[in-house]
Structure formats: structure tokens, C-alpha cells
Amino acid sequence: MVTRTRIGVGLAALVLAAGTTAGTAIPAAAVAAGVTPSFDVVALGDSYASGTGAGDYEPGTEGTCYRSRGSASTILVEELRRRGANVRFVNVTCSGATIQDLRQTFKGEPPQLGALRRNTDLVTLNIGGNDIDFAGYGNVCVQADCTGAPTTAILDRMPALKRSLSGLLTEIRRRSPHARIVMTGYGRAVTRGQNATGVPLDPICDAGVLSAGERLAGARVSGTLDATLSQTARAARTRGIDVRFVSPHRSSTTLHPEFAGHSLCESTAPFYRGFDALAPGQEGGVAVLHLNRQGHAALATLIQRKVPLRVAL
């Protein structure tokens, strides 16, 4: 029989010590009594959360929600289990989801928010891109010209996204009052600069597909999107919501070391999918400009650095 022990703000064997190395140990009495600590994790969000583009999909989700066993949240959970934690993991992420879709049946699946419980310890969340039609904007960049009016239009949607996301964070806290929320950003799929020289690159890097101006416009949009998510998380913390934001972006124009040099077109080891996703047997357009398996592994590493997940021994 597994007995659940809850310590501090709903953390037992694991401690999320943002920016510190401090831990919360299990009381000796609990250990002596043979208590097995347990940790409850729920993954929410869209295609960037589900791991669309990372391959190795859960049975029944390929072609719909695309839940990858290589997603950042799954990698984190497997690492916690490797350290000896008893983790209950519920992954309800789904490609294409908006904030409103988390509250309702989507692609034949129950509302994602229904997976939250009062004793949930950790919620991983990546959401907001579909609310501003981030994918649609990317398609315009690839197929036409996204500079000018298309860029202005998507930037104009950011204030509404901030309001919607703020309401979602409040709702998550109401359903899971002891949980820490780790919200992740989208990063920058394509370099702002010139193509790397002398190395093979994905066909999406051709100047006839993405012009220099479109790369700069796309970088502005992705940087503003992650900045909007970050600002919303900071505002939520002032209201007592335990949320931390982790993004490949260090600022609106620079990336963290884990991601620097790995956008499309700047190395032979990109962390994002390009037109390779359109090859026979691959996911198709749904995975273009999404993190690949290496990208999700880098995101999991970044989360561990920014919001360490620790096993208290």
C-alpha cells in the first residue's frame, strides 16, 4: 500500500526550489514508518506541450493530440522516477488546443482542466500560441510574406492573450491550490541572422521561403509572445499564484545557452523541425517549426536549471 505524505506547499519527496539548492526533507518518523512519498504531476497545453514533432507518440494520439514520450514534461517525470520518486503523471496535452479548449471537449477528449486535483503538486503548461494563431502566422511567412500587416495583426492579439491566460492561471490555482505551475515558452524557431555557411540545411532555410525580413519579423513575434507569457506569470505571482515561467528566450532577442545556436538555419543540429516534417512517413505540416526531440530535451534541462526538481533523501 502506498501512503502519501505531503510537506510544505504540497511537496513530498520532491522540492521545487526556484533558483536555490535548498531542499525539504521527509520527516524521520515518516521514513521510519515506511512511508512512500508520492508526487502528482499534470501536463496541460498545446502542441508545444504535447511534443508534436518529437516523435515516439503515445498510442492513439498520432494524428490527433501527438503526445510524445520525448516531450519535456515526460522527460522531467522520467528523471524524477529515476531518482526514486513515486510519480503519478497525467498527460492531457493536445496539439491545436487554445486556452478555451482546456475547458471543453477537444478532439474527442475530455477537458484538460478536468485532470487537475486538489492534491496535484506540479502542473506543466504551454499554451497561448493557438490563441493568437501563431501557426497560421508561420504559414503566411512560409507561403507568402508575413512582414508588415500580418506581423502587426498578431502583435495586436497579445493583450487579449494576457487577459485569457491570467484567467486560466487563476482557474488552475482554484482547482489545484497547492500546485506549482511551470509554464514554458515557445522560443525562436528560425535564426534572425544569415544561414550557416558550408553545412547542409533544411530546405526551409532557402531565401525564397523565408526572407531576411520575415526572419526578423518572426523573431519579433516569438520574442513578444514569450515576453507576454512571462509578464502574465509575474503578474500572477503578485496575486499569490505559484507559477514560474521558463523559456528558450533569455530576453526578447537572445536565447539561453541551452538553445543558443540551435534555431533552424544556423547549425546542423537544430532544435526545431523544418520541411523535414513534410517527408513521407513524417507528421506533416503540423510539426513544422515545432521543437524536435533534442529541443524538448534541452527544454527539460533548462527547466531543471531554472526551477530545480529535487528528490529529498
C-alpha atoms as a PDB file:
ATOM      1  CA  MET A   1       0.000   0.000   0.000  1.00  0.00           C
ATOM      2  CA  VAL A   2       1.323   3.431  -0.906  1.00  0.00           C
ATOM      3  CA  THR A   3       0.885   6.142   1.705  1.00  0.00           C
ATOM      4  CA  ARG A   4       1.012   9.740   0.548  1.00  0.00           C
ATOM      5  CA  THR A   5       2.995  12.273   2.555  1.00  0.00           C
ATOM      6  CA  ARG A   6       2.528  15.981   1.876  1.00  0.00           C
ATOM      7  CA  ILE A   7       5.047  18.547   3.103  1.00  0.00           C
ATOM      8  CA  GLY A   8       5.230  22.318   2.837  1.00  0.00           C
ATOM      9  CA  VAL A   9       3.259  23.592  -0.158  1.00  0.00           C
ATOM     10  CA  GLY A  10       2.141  20.162  -1.262  1.00  0.00           C
ATOM     11  CA  LEU A  11       5.607  18.740  -1.941  1.00  0.00           C
ATOM     12  CA  ALA A  12       6.753  15.442  -0.538  1.00  0.00           C
ATOM     13  CA  ALA A  13       9.832  13.596  -1.803  1.00  0.00           C
ATOM     14  CA  LEU A  14      10.414  16.361  -4.327  1.00  0.00           C
ATOM     15  CA  VAL A  15      11.131  20.026  -3.843  1.00  0.00           C
ATOM     16  CA  LEU A  16      10.823  22.710  -6.497  1.00  0.00           C
ATOM     17  CA  ALA A  17      13.293  25.254  -5.209  1.00  0.00           C
ATOM     18  CA  ALA A  18      13.205  28.090  -7.717  1.00  0.00           C
ATOM     19  CA  GLY A  19      16.705  29.460  -8.094  1.00  0.00           C
ATOM     20  CA  THR A  20      18.024  27.734  -4.949  1.00  0.00           C
ATOM     21  CA  THR A  21      19.575  24.467  -3.888  1.00  0.00           C
ATOM     22  CA  ALA A  22      17.507  24.194  -0.732  1.00  0.00           C
ATOM     23  CA  GLY A  23      15.513  21.034  -0.092  1.00  0.00           C
ATOM     24  CA  THR A  24      12.746  19.904   2.206  1.00  0.00           C
ATOM     25  CA  ALA A  25      13.474  16.543   3.746  1.00  0.00           C
ATOM     26  CA  ILE A  26      10.914  13.926   4.665  1.00  0.00           C
ATOM     27  CA  PRO A  27      10.436  13.727   8.453  1.00  0.00           C
ATOM     28  CA  ALA A  28      12.403  10.876  10.009  1.00  0.00           C
ATOM     29  CA  ALA A  29       9.228   9.492  11.566  1.00  0.00           C
ATOM     30  CA  ALA A  30       7.658   9.135   8.143  1.00  0.00           C
ATOM     31  CA  VAL A  31      10.719   7.343   6.792  1.00  0.00           C
ATOM     32  CA  ALA A  32      10.839   5.036   9.828  1.00  0.00           C
ATOM     33  CA  ALA A  33       7.185   4.191   9.285  1.00  0.00           C
ATOM     34  CA  GLY A  34       7.929   3.042   5.746  1.00  0.00           C
ATOM     35  CA  VAL A  35       6.053   5.891   4.067  1.00  0.00           C
ATOM     36  CA  THR A  36       6.478   6.000   0.280  1.00  0.00           C
ATOM     37  CA  PRO A  37       6.411   9.657  -0.820  1.00  0.00           C
ATOM     38  CA  SER A  38       4.237  10.401  -3.838  1.00  0.00           C
ATOM     39  CA  PHE A  39       4.130  13.273  -6.293  1.00  0.00           C
ATOM     40  CA  ASP A  40       1.246  14.238  -8.572  1.00  0.00           C
ATOM     41  CA  VAL A  41       2.078  15.853 -11.943  1.00  0.00           C
ATOM     42  CA  VAL A  42      -0.356  17.035 -14.629  1.00  0.00           C
ATOM     43  CA  ALA A  43       0.733  18.220 -18.087  1.00  0.00           C
ATOM     44  CA  LEU A  44      -1.557  20.714 -19.852  1.00  0.00           C
ATOM     45  CA  GLY A  45      -1.298  22.577 -23.139  1.00  0.00           C
ATOM     46  CA  ASP A  46      -0.964  22.592 -26.897  1.00  0.00           C
ATOM     47  CA  SER A  47       1.362  21.034 -29.488  1.00  0.00           C
ATOM     48  CA  TYR A  48       4.482  22.564 -27.945  1.00  0.00           C
ATOM     49  CA  ALA A  49       3.494  20.900 -24.667  1.00  0.00           C
ATOM     50  CA  SER A  50       2.490  17.566 -26.188  1.00  0.00           C
ATOM     51  CA  GLY A  51       5.731  17.189 -28.120  1.00  0.00           C
ATOM     52  CA  THR A  52       4.332  17.370 -31.635  1.00  0.00           C
ATOM     53  CA  GLY A  53       7.430  16.977 -33.765  1.00  0.00           C
ATOM     54  CA  ALA A  54       9.391  14.937 -31.212  1.00  0.00           C
ATOM     55  CA  GLY A  55       8.177  11.524 -32.424  1.00  0.00           C
ATOM     56  CA  ASP A  56       7.531   8.363 -30.345  1.00  0.00           C
ATOM     57  CA  TYR A  57       3.865   9.210 -29.791  1.00  0.00           C
ATOM     58  CA  GLU A  58       1.567   7.556 -27.284  1.00  0.00           C
ATOM     59  CA  PRO A  59      -0.735   5.009 -28.955  1.00  0.00           C
ATOM     60  CA  GLY A  60      -3.911   6.618 -30.246  1.00  0.00           C
ATOM     61  CA  THR A  61      -2.549  10.168 -30.220  1.00  0.00           C
ATOM     62  CA  GLU A  62      -0.615  10.206 -33.502  1.00  0.00           C
ATOM     63  CA  GLY A  63      -2.661  12.223 -35.962  1.00  0.00           C
ATOM     64  CA  THR A  64      -4.672  13.900 -33.187  1.00  0.00           C
ATOM     65  CA  CYS A  65      -3.040  15.173 -29.983  1.00  0.00           C
ATOM     66  CA  TYR A  66       0.502  13.952 -30.806  1.00  0.00           C
ATOM     67  CA  ARG A  67       1.608  13.233 -27.222  1.00  0.00           C
ATOM     68  CA  SER A  68       5.271  12.339 -27.431  1.00  0.00           C
ATOM     69  CA  ARG A  69       7.209  10.251 -24.944  1.00  0.00           C
ATOM     70  CA  GLY A  70      10.013  12.675 -25.750  1.00  0.00           C
ATOM     71  CA  SER A  71       8.191  15.812 -24.560  1.00  0.00           C
ATOM     72  CA  ALA A  72       9.870  17.969 -21.926  1.00  0.00           C
ATOM     73  CA  SER A  73       7.285  17.139 -19.254  1.00  0.00           C
ATOM     74  CA  THR A  74       7.661  13.399 -19.853  1.00  0.00           C
ATOM     75  CA  ILE A  75      11.455  13.681 -19.703  1.00  0.00           C
ATOM     76  CA  LEU A  76      11.187  15.507 -16.358  1.00  0.00           C
ATOM     77  CA  VAL A  77       8.859  12.877 -14.920  1.00  0.00           C
ATOM     78  CA  GLU A  78      11.120  10.038 -16.035  1.00  0.00           C
ATOM     79  CA  GLU A  79      14.092  11.750 -14.395  1.00  0.00           C
ATOM     80  CA  LEU A  80      12.166  12.087 -11.131  1.00  0.00           C
ATOM     81  CA  ARG A  81      11.239   8.416 -11.255  1.00  0.00           C
ATOM     82  CA  ARG A  82      14.845   7.512 -11.964  1.00  0.00           C
ATOM     83  CA  ARG A  83      15.769   9.265  -8.739  1.00  0.00           C
ATOM     84  CA  GLY A  84      13.331   7.046  -6.861  1.00  0.00           C
ATOM     85  CA  ALA A  85      10.221   9.228  -6.714  1.00  0.00           C
ATOM     86  CA  ASN A  86       6.756   7.693  -6.954  1.00  0.00           C
ATOM     87  CA  VAL A  87       5.177   9.970  -9.582  1.00  0.00           C
ATOM     88  CA  ARG A  88       1.576   9.919 -10.739  1.00  0.00           C
ATOM     89  CA  PHE A  89       1.706  11.555 -14.172  1.00  0.00           C
ATOM     90  CA  VAL A  90      -1.380  12.570 -16.147  1.00  0.00           C
ATOM     91  CA  ASN A  91      -0.593  13.952 -19.608  1.00  0.00           C
ATOM     92  CA  VAL A  92      -3.654  15.505 -21.306  1.00  0.00           C
ATOM     93  CA  THR A  93      -1.824  17.870 -23.672  1.00  0.00           C
ATOM     94  CA  CYS A  94      -3.188  18.108 -27.200  1.00  0.00           C
ATOM     95  CA  SER A  95      -1.960  19.628 -30.442  1.00  0.00           C
ATOM     96  CA  GLY A  96      -4.064  22.579 -31.574  1.00  0.00           C
ATOM     97  CA  ALA A  97      -5.509  23.464 -28.169  1.00  0.00           C
ATOM     98  CA  THR A  98      -6.356  27.029 -27.185  1.00  0.00           C
ATOM     99  CA  ILE A  99      -6.918  28.295 -23.656  1.00  0.00           C
ATOM    100  CA  GLN A 100     -10.666  27.826 -24.051  1.00  0.00           C
ATOM    101  CA  ASP A 101     -10.130  24.291 -25.359  1.00  0.00           C
ATOM    102  CA  LEU A 102      -8.631  23.332 -21.992  1.00  0.00           C
ATOM    103  CA  ARG A 103     -12.112  23.848 -20.524  1.00  0.00           C
ATOM    104  CA  GLN A 104     -14.083  21.792 -23.032  1.00  0.00           C
ATOM    105  CA  THR A 105     -14.101  18.560 -25.004  1.00  0.00           C
ATOM    106  CA  PHE A 106     -11.460  18.832 -27.715  1.00  0.00           C
ATOM    107  CA  LYS A 107     -10.686  16.305 -30.444  1.00  0.00           C
ATOM    108  CA  GLY A 108     -12.992  13.866 -28.685  1.00  0.00           C
ATOM    109  CA  GLU A 109     -11.084  14.104 -25.389  1.00  0.00           C
ATOM    110  CA  PRO A 110     -12.378  15.421 -22.035  1.00  0.00           C
ATOM    111  CA  PRO A 111     -11.481  18.954 -20.904  1.00  0.00           C
ATOM    112  CA  GLN A 112      -7.834  19.090 -19.916  1.00  0.00           C
ATOM    113  CA  LEU A 113      -8.589  21.039 -16.741  1.00  0.00           C
ATOM    114  CA  GLY A 114     -10.585  18.054 -15.513  1.00  0.00           C
ATOM    115  CA  ALA A 115      -7.295  16.252 -14.872  1.00  0.00           C
ATOM    116  CA  LEU A 116      -6.411  18.672 -12.063  1.00  0.00           C
ATOM    117  CA  ARG A 117      -6.982  17.567  -8.470  1.00  0.00           C
ATOM    118  CA  ARG A 118      -6.763  19.343  -5.145  1.00  0.00           C
ATOM    119  CA  ASN A 119      -3.652  17.303  -4.306  1.00  0.00           C
ATOM    120  CA  THR A 120      -1.868  17.966  -7.606  1.00  0.00           C
ATOM    121  CA  ASP A 121       1.710  19.044  -6.821  1.00  0.00           C
ATOM    122  CA  LEU A 122       3.031  20.214 -10.188  1.00  0.00           C
ATOM    123  CA  VAL A 123       1.334  21.483 -13.345  1.00  0.00           C
ATOM    124  CA  THR A 124       3.360  21.881 -16.530  1.00  0.00           C
ATOM    125  CA  LEU A 125       1.762  24.255 -19.022  1.00  0.00           C
ATOM    126  CA  ASN A 126       2.476  25.533 -22.517  1.00  0.00           C
ATOM    127  CA  ILE A 127      -0.435  27.422 -24.068  1.00  0.00           C
ATOM    128  CA  GLY A 128      -1.299  30.627 -25.930  1.00  0.00           C
ATOM    129  CA  GLY A 129       0.166  30.130 -29.382  1.00  0.00           C
ATOM    130  CA  ASN A 130      -3.096  28.965 -30.916  1.00  0.00           C
ATOM    131  CA  ASP A 131      -4.984  31.832 -29.272  1.00  0.00           C
ATOM    132  CA  ILE A 132      -3.032  34.276 -31.437  1.00  0.00           C
ATOM    133  CA  ASP A 133      -2.840  31.874 -34.429  1.00  0.00           C
ATOM    134  CA  PHE A 134       0.931  31.539 -34.161  1.00  0.00           C
ATOM    135  CA  ALA A 135       0.903  28.560 -36.537  1.00  0.00           C
ATOM    136  CA  GLY A 136      -1.165  30.450 -39.087  1.00  0.00           C
ATOM    137  CA  TYR A 137       1.305  33.302 -38.948  1.00  0.00           C
ATOM    138  CA  GLY A 138       4.149  30.850 -39.583  1.00  0.00           C
ATOM    139  CA  ASN A 139       2.301  29.524 -42.632  1.00  0.00           C
ATOM    140  CA  VAL A 140       1.997  33.050 -44.019  1.00  0.00           C
ATOM    141  CA  CYS A 141       5.741  33.538 -43.546  1.00  0.00           C
ATOM    142  CA  VAL A 142       6.499  30.319 -45.427  1.00  0.00           C
ATOM    143  CA  GLN A 143       3.927  30.622 -48.210  1.00  0.00           C
ATOM    144  CA  ALA A 144       3.678  34.380 -48.745  1.00  0.00           C
ATOM    145  CA  ASP A 145       5.011  37.469 -46.930  1.00  0.00           C
ATOM    146  CA  CYS A 146       4.398  37.914 -43.199  1.00  0.00           C
ATOM    147  CA  THR A 147       6.138  41.272 -42.814  1.00  0.00           C
ATOM    148  CA  GLY A 148       4.017  44.363 -42.319  1.00  0.00           C
ATOM    149  CA  ALA A 149       0.279  43.851 -41.743  1.00  0.00           C
ATOM    150  CA  PRO A 150       0.407  40.142 -40.711  1.00  0.00           C
ATOM    151  CA  THR A 151       3.022  40.915 -38.072  1.00  0.00           C
ATOM    152  CA  THR A 152       1.076  43.910 -36.783  1.00  0.00           C
ATOM    153  CA  ALA A 153      -2.104  41.848 -36.614  1.00  0.00           C
ATOM    154  CA  ILE A 154      -0.612  39.077 -34.479  1.00  0.00           C
ATOM    155  CA  LEU A 155       1.131  41.532 -32.158  1.00  0.00           C
ATOM    156  CA  ASP A 156      -2.213  43.259 -31.611  1.00  0.00           C
ATOM    157  CA  ARG A 157      -3.590  39.990 -30.157  1.00  0.00           C
ATOM    158  CA  MET A 158      -1.116  39.911 -27.259  1.00  0.00           C
ATOM    159  CA  PRO A 159      -3.168  41.977 -24.748  1.00  0.00           C
ATOM    160  CA  ALA A 160      -6.178  39.667 -25.165  1.00  0.00           C
ATOM    161  CA  LEU A 161      -3.905  36.652 -24.719  1.00  0.00           C
ATOM    162  CA  LYS A 162      -2.577  38.123 -21.492  1.00  0.00           C
ATOM    163  CA  ARG A 163      -6.108  38.503 -20.101  1.00  0.00           C
ATOM    164  CA  SER A 164      -7.141  34.986 -21.113  1.00  0.00           C
ATOM    165  CA  LEU A 165      -4.002  33.417 -19.688  1.00  0.00           C
ATOM    166  CA  SER A 166      -4.385  35.322 -16.428  1.00  0.00           C
ATOM    167  CA  GLY A 167      -7.860  33.857 -16.031  1.00  0.00           C
ATOM    168  CA  LEU A 168      -6.556  30.368 -16.780  1.00  0.00           C
ATOM    169  CA  LEU A 169      -3.840  30.593 -14.122  1.00  0.00           C
ATOM    170  CA  THR A 170      -6.452  31.681 -11.588  1.00  0.00           C
ATOM    171  CA  GLU A 171      -8.600  28.693 -12.524  1.00  0.00           C
ATOM    172  CA  ILE A 172      -5.708  26.247 -12.222  1.00  0.00           C
ATOM    173  CA  ARG A 173      -4.952  27.558  -8.753  1.00  0.00           C
ATOM    174  CA  ARG A 174      -8.603  27.180  -7.734  1.00  0.00           C
ATOM    175  CA  ARG A 175      -8.639  23.552  -8.842  1.00  0.00           C
ATOM    176  CA  SER A 176      -5.155  22.700  -7.511  1.00  0.00           C
ATOM    177  CA  PRO A 177      -4.395  25.189  -4.726  1.00  0.00           C
ATOM    178  CA  HIS A 178      -1.114  23.553  -3.620  1.00  0.00           C
ATOM    179  CA  ALA A 179       0.392  23.076  -7.070  1.00  0.00           C
ATOM    180  CA  ARG A 180       3.338  24.882  -8.553  1.00  0.00           C
ATOM    181  CA  ILE A 181       2.753  25.791 -12.200  1.00  0.00           C
ATOM    182  CA  VAL A 182       5.762  25.624 -14.522  1.00  0.00           C
ATOM    183  CA  MET A 183       4.775  27.449 -17.705  1.00  0.00           C
ATOM    184  CA  THR A 184       7.037  27.224 -20.742  1.00  0.00           C
ATOM    185  CA  GLY A 185       7.514  29.449 -23.779  1.00  0.00           C
ATOM    186  CA  TYR A 186       7.879  28.844 -27.495  1.00  0.00           C
ATOM    187  CA  GLY A 187      11.390  30.039 -28.220  1.00  0.00           C
ATOM    188  CA  ARG A 188      12.697  31.114 -31.617  1.00  0.00           C
ATOM    189  CA  ALA A 189      12.421  28.532 -34.386  1.00  0.00           C
ATOM    190  CA  VAL A 190      14.468  30.320 -37.067  1.00  0.00           C
ATOM    191  CA  THR A 191      17.648  32.355 -36.711  1.00  0.00           C
ATOM    192  CA  ARG A 192      17.360  36.114 -37.064  1.00  0.00           C
ATOM    193  CA  GLY A 193      20.628  36.218 -38.993  1.00  0.00           C
ATOM    194  CA  GLN A 194      22.196  34.688 -42.062  1.00  0.00           C
ATOM    195  CA  ASN A 195      22.268  30.984 -42.856  1.00  0.00           C
ATOM    196  CA  ALA A 196      25.209  28.995 -41.576  1.00  0.00           C
ATOM    197  CA  THR A 197      27.721  28.537 -44.395  1.00  0.00           C
ATOM    198  CA  GLY A 198      29.259  25.343 -45.665  1.00  0.00           C
ATOM    199  CA  VAL A 199      26.817  22.984 -43.939  1.00  0.00           C
ATOM    200  CA  PRO A 200      23.662  21.210 -45.164  1.00  0.00           C
ATOM    201  CA  LEU A 201      20.500  22.967 -44.019  1.00  0.00           C
ATOM    202  CA  ASP A 202      16.787  22.219 -44.112  1.00  0.00           C
ATOM    203  CA  PRO A 203      15.033  23.465 -47.284  1.00  0.00           C
ATOM    204  CA  ILE A 204      13.010  25.896 -45.172  1.00  0.00           C
ATOM    205  CA  CYS A 205      16.206  27.955 -44.938  1.00  0.00           C
ATOM    206  CA  ASP A 206      16.069  28.928 -48.616  1.00  0.00           C
ATOM    207  CA  ALA A 207      15.786  32.702 -49.013  1.00  0.00           C
ATOM    208  CA  GLY A 208      12.846  32.153 -51.341  1.00  0.00           C
ATOM    209  CA  VAL A 209      10.934  30.568 -48.460  1.00  0.00           C
ATOM    210  CA  LEU A 210      11.869  32.830 -45.564  1.00  0.00           C
ATOM    211  CA  SER A 211      13.368  36.210 -46.435  1.00  0.00           C
ATOM    212  CA  ALA A 212      15.686  38.112 -44.120  1.00  0.00           C
ATOM    213  CA  GLY A 213      12.836  40.485 -43.318  1.00  0.00           C
ATOM    214  CA  GLU A 214      10.500  37.627 -42.464  1.00  0.00           C
ATOM    215  CA  ARG A 215      13.064  36.107 -40.126  1.00  0.00           C
ATOM    216  CA  LEU A 216      13.317  39.386 -38.255  1.00  0.00           C
ATOM    217  CA  ALA A 217       9.531  39.752 -38.151  1.00  0.00           C
ATOM    218  CA  GLY A 218       9.102  36.180 -36.941  1.00  0.00           C
ATOM    219  CA  ALA A 219      11.722  36.675 -34.258  1.00  0.00           C
ATOM    220  CA  ARG A 220       9.919  39.808 -33.098  1.00  0.00           C
ATOM    221  CA  VAL A 221       6.649  37.890 -32.828  1.00  0.00           C
ATOM    222  CA  SER A 222       8.132  34.894 -30.997  1.00  0.00           C
ATOM    223  CA  GLY A 223      10.053  37.157 -28.626  1.00  0.00           C
ATOM    224  CA  THR A 224       6.948  39.214 -27.882  1.00  0.00           C
ATOM    225  CA  LEU A 225       4.860  36.077 -27.353  1.00  0.00           C
ATOM    226  CA  ASP A 226       7.256  34.688 -24.754  1.00  0.00           C
ATOM    227  CA  ALA A 227       7.588  38.122 -23.128  1.00  0.00           C
ATOM    228  CA  THR A 228       3.786  38.290 -22.867  1.00  0.00           C
ATOM    229  CA  LEU A 229       3.676  34.875 -21.180  1.00  0.00           C
ATOM    230  CA  SER A 230       6.470  35.915 -18.822  1.00  0.00           C
ATOM    231  CA  GLN A 231       4.732  39.161 -17.874  1.00  0.00           C
ATOM    232  CA  THR A 232       1.498  37.290 -17.194  1.00  0.00           C
ATOM    233  CA  ALA A 233       3.304  34.813 -14.934  1.00  0.00           C
ATOM    234  CA  ARG A 234       4.935  37.632 -12.959  1.00  0.00           C
ATOM    235  CA  ALA A 235       1.596  39.384 -12.508  1.00  0.00           C
ATOM    236  CA  ALA A 236       0.007  36.123 -11.342  1.00  0.00           C
ATOM    237  CA  ARG A 237       2.703  35.679  -8.690  1.00  0.00           C
ATOM    238  CA  THR A 238       1.774  39.054  -7.220  1.00  0.00           C
ATOM    239  CA  ARG A 239      -1.709  37.574  -6.738  1.00  0.00           C
ATOM    240  CA  GLY A 240      -0.300  34.625  -4.829  1.00  0.00           C
ATOM    241  CA  ILE A 241      -0.294  32.089  -7.675  1.00  0.00           C
ATOM    242  CA  ASP A 242       2.767  29.839  -7.557  1.00  0.00           C
ATOM    243  CA  VAL A 243       3.815  29.986 -11.213  1.00  0.00           C
ATOM    244  CA  ARG A 244       7.263  30.039 -12.783  1.00  0.00           C
ATOM    245  CA  PHE A 245       7.964  30.793 -16.447  1.00  0.00           C
ATOM    246  CA  VAL A 246      10.765  29.079 -18.372  1.00  0.00           C
ATOM    247  CA  SER A 247      11.546  29.960 -21.976  1.00  0.00           C
ATOM    248  CA  PRO A 248      14.306  29.309 -24.507  1.00  0.00           C
ATOM    249  CA  HIS A 249      14.413  33.125 -24.660  1.00  0.00           C
ATOM    250  CA  ARG A 250      16.736  34.869 -22.229  1.00  0.00           C
ATOM    251  CA  SER A 251      15.325  38.176 -23.467  1.00  0.00           C
ATOM    252  CA  SER A 252      13.069  39.098 -26.364  1.00  0.00           C
ATOM    253  CA  THR A 253      16.086  38.948 -28.704  1.00  0.00           C
ATOM    254  CA  THR A 254      18.529  36.461 -27.121  1.00  0.00           C
ATOM    255  CA  LEU A 255      18.366  32.795 -26.159  1.00  0.00           C
ATOM    256  CA  HIS A 256      19.570  30.854 -23.133  1.00  0.00           C
ATOM    257  CA  PRO A 257      22.801  28.865 -23.610  1.00  0.00           C
ATOM    258  CA  GLU A 258      20.858  25.609 -23.898  1.00  0.00           C
ATOM    259  CA  PHE A 259      19.239  26.935 -27.092  1.00  0.00           C
ATOM    260  CA  ALA A 260      21.803  29.367 -28.493  1.00  0.00           C
ATOM    261  CA  GLY A 261      22.960  28.252 -31.925  1.00  0.00           C
ATOM    262  CA  HIS A 262      20.177  25.697 -32.363  1.00  0.00           C
ATOM    263  CA  SER A 263      17.465  27.608 -34.208  1.00  0.00           C
ATOM    264  CA  LEU A 264      16.802  26.467 -37.758  1.00  0.00           C
ATOM    265  CA  CYS A 265      19.347  27.568 -40.375  1.00  0.00           C
ATOM    266  CA  GLU A 266      22.209  28.337 -38.007  1.00  0.00           C
ATOM    267  CA  SER A 267      23.645  24.850 -37.403  1.00  0.00           C
ATOM    268  CA  THR A 268      23.467  21.218 -38.440  1.00  0.00           C
ATOM    269  CA  ALA A 269      21.834  20.416 -35.089  1.00  0.00           C
ATOM    270  CA  PRO A 270      18.630  22.491 -34.961  1.00  0.00           C
ATOM    271  CA  PHE A 271      16.170  22.012 -32.103  1.00  0.00           C
ATOM    272  CA  TYR A 272      13.162  22.752 -34.355  1.00  0.00           C
ATOM    273  CA  ARG A 273      11.560  20.877 -37.235  1.00  0.00           C
ATOM    274  CA  GLY A 274      11.636  22.356 -40.723  1.00  0.00           C
ATOM    275  CA  PHE A 275      10.450  20.899 -44.000  1.00  0.00           C
ATOM    276  CA  ASP A 276      11.877  17.550 -42.887  1.00  0.00           C
ATOM    277  CA  ALA A 277       8.479  17.115 -41.214  1.00  0.00           C
ATOM    278  CA  LEU A 278       6.877  17.047 -44.685  1.00  0.00           C
ATOM    279  CA  ALA A 279       8.806  13.952 -45.817  1.00  0.00           C
ATOM    280  CA  PRO A 280       6.885  10.689 -46.363  1.00  0.00           C
ATOM    281  CA  GLY A 281       6.121   8.963 -43.084  1.00  0.00           C
ATOM    282  CA  GLN A 282       6.595  12.141 -41.036  1.00  0.00           C
ATOM    283  CA  GLU A 283       3.949  14.194 -39.213  1.00  0.00           C
ATOM    284  CA  GLY A 284       3.405  16.755 -41.957  1.00  0.00           C
ATOM    285  CA  GLY A 285       2.794  20.474 -41.632  1.00  0.00           C
ATOM    286  CA  VAL A 286       1.551  20.155 -38.044  1.00  0.00           C
ATOM    287  CA  ALA A 287       5.150  19.639 -36.871  1.00  0.00           C
ATOM    288  CA  VAL A 288       6.888  22.369 -38.898  1.00  0.00           C
ATOM    289  CA  LEU A 289       8.564  24.997 -36.660  1.00  0.00           C
ATOM    290  CA  HIS A 290       7.999  22.802 -33.568  1.00  0.00           C
ATOM    291  CA  LEU A 291      10.636  21.511 -31.162  1.00  0.00           C
ATOM    292  CA  ASN A 292      12.187  18.176 -32.103  1.00  0.00           C
ATOM    293  CA  ARG A 293      13.256  15.544 -29.572  1.00  0.00           C
ATOM    294  CA  GLN A 294      16.586  17.257 -28.920  1.00  0.00           C
ATOM    295  CA  GLY A 295      14.770  20.550 -28.404  1.00  0.00           C
ATOM    296  CA  HIS A 296      12.478  19.036 -25.786  1.00  0.00           C
ATOM    297  CA  ALA A 297      15.470  17.501 -24.012  1.00  0.00           C
ATOM    298  CA  ALA A 298      17.118  20.939 -23.946  1.00  0.00           C
ATOM    299  CA  LEU A 299      13.912  22.481 -22.579  1.00  0.00           C
ATOM    300  CA  ALA A 300      13.762  19.852 -19.829  1.00  0.00           C
ATOM    301  CA  THR A 301      17.376  20.698 -18.943  1.00  0.00           C
ATOM    302  CA  LEU A 302      16.555  24.410 -18.860  1.00  0.00           C
ATOM    303  CA  ILE A 303      13.574  23.782 -16.574  1.00  0.00           C
ATOM    304  CA  GLN A 304      15.797  21.794 -14.215  1.00  0.00           C
ATOM    305  CA  ARG A 305      18.271  24.680 -14.126  1.00  0.00           C
ATOM    306  CA  LYS A 306      15.695  27.421 -13.653  1.00  0.00           C
ATOM    307  CA  VAL A 307      13.209  25.556 -11.423  1.00  0.00           C
ATOM    308  CA  PRO A 308      15.144  22.602  -9.978  1.00  0.00           C
ATOM    309  CA  LEU A 309      13.216  19.413  -9.232  1.00  0.00           C
ATOM    310  CA  ARG A 310      14.943  17.714  -6.317  1.00  0.00           C
ATOM    311  CA  VAL A 311      14.486  14.445  -4.505  1.00  0.00           C
ATOM    312  CA  ALA A 312      14.850  14.836  -0.742  1.00  0.00           C
ATOM    313  CA  LEU A 313      16.827  11.836   0.553  1.00  0.00           C
END
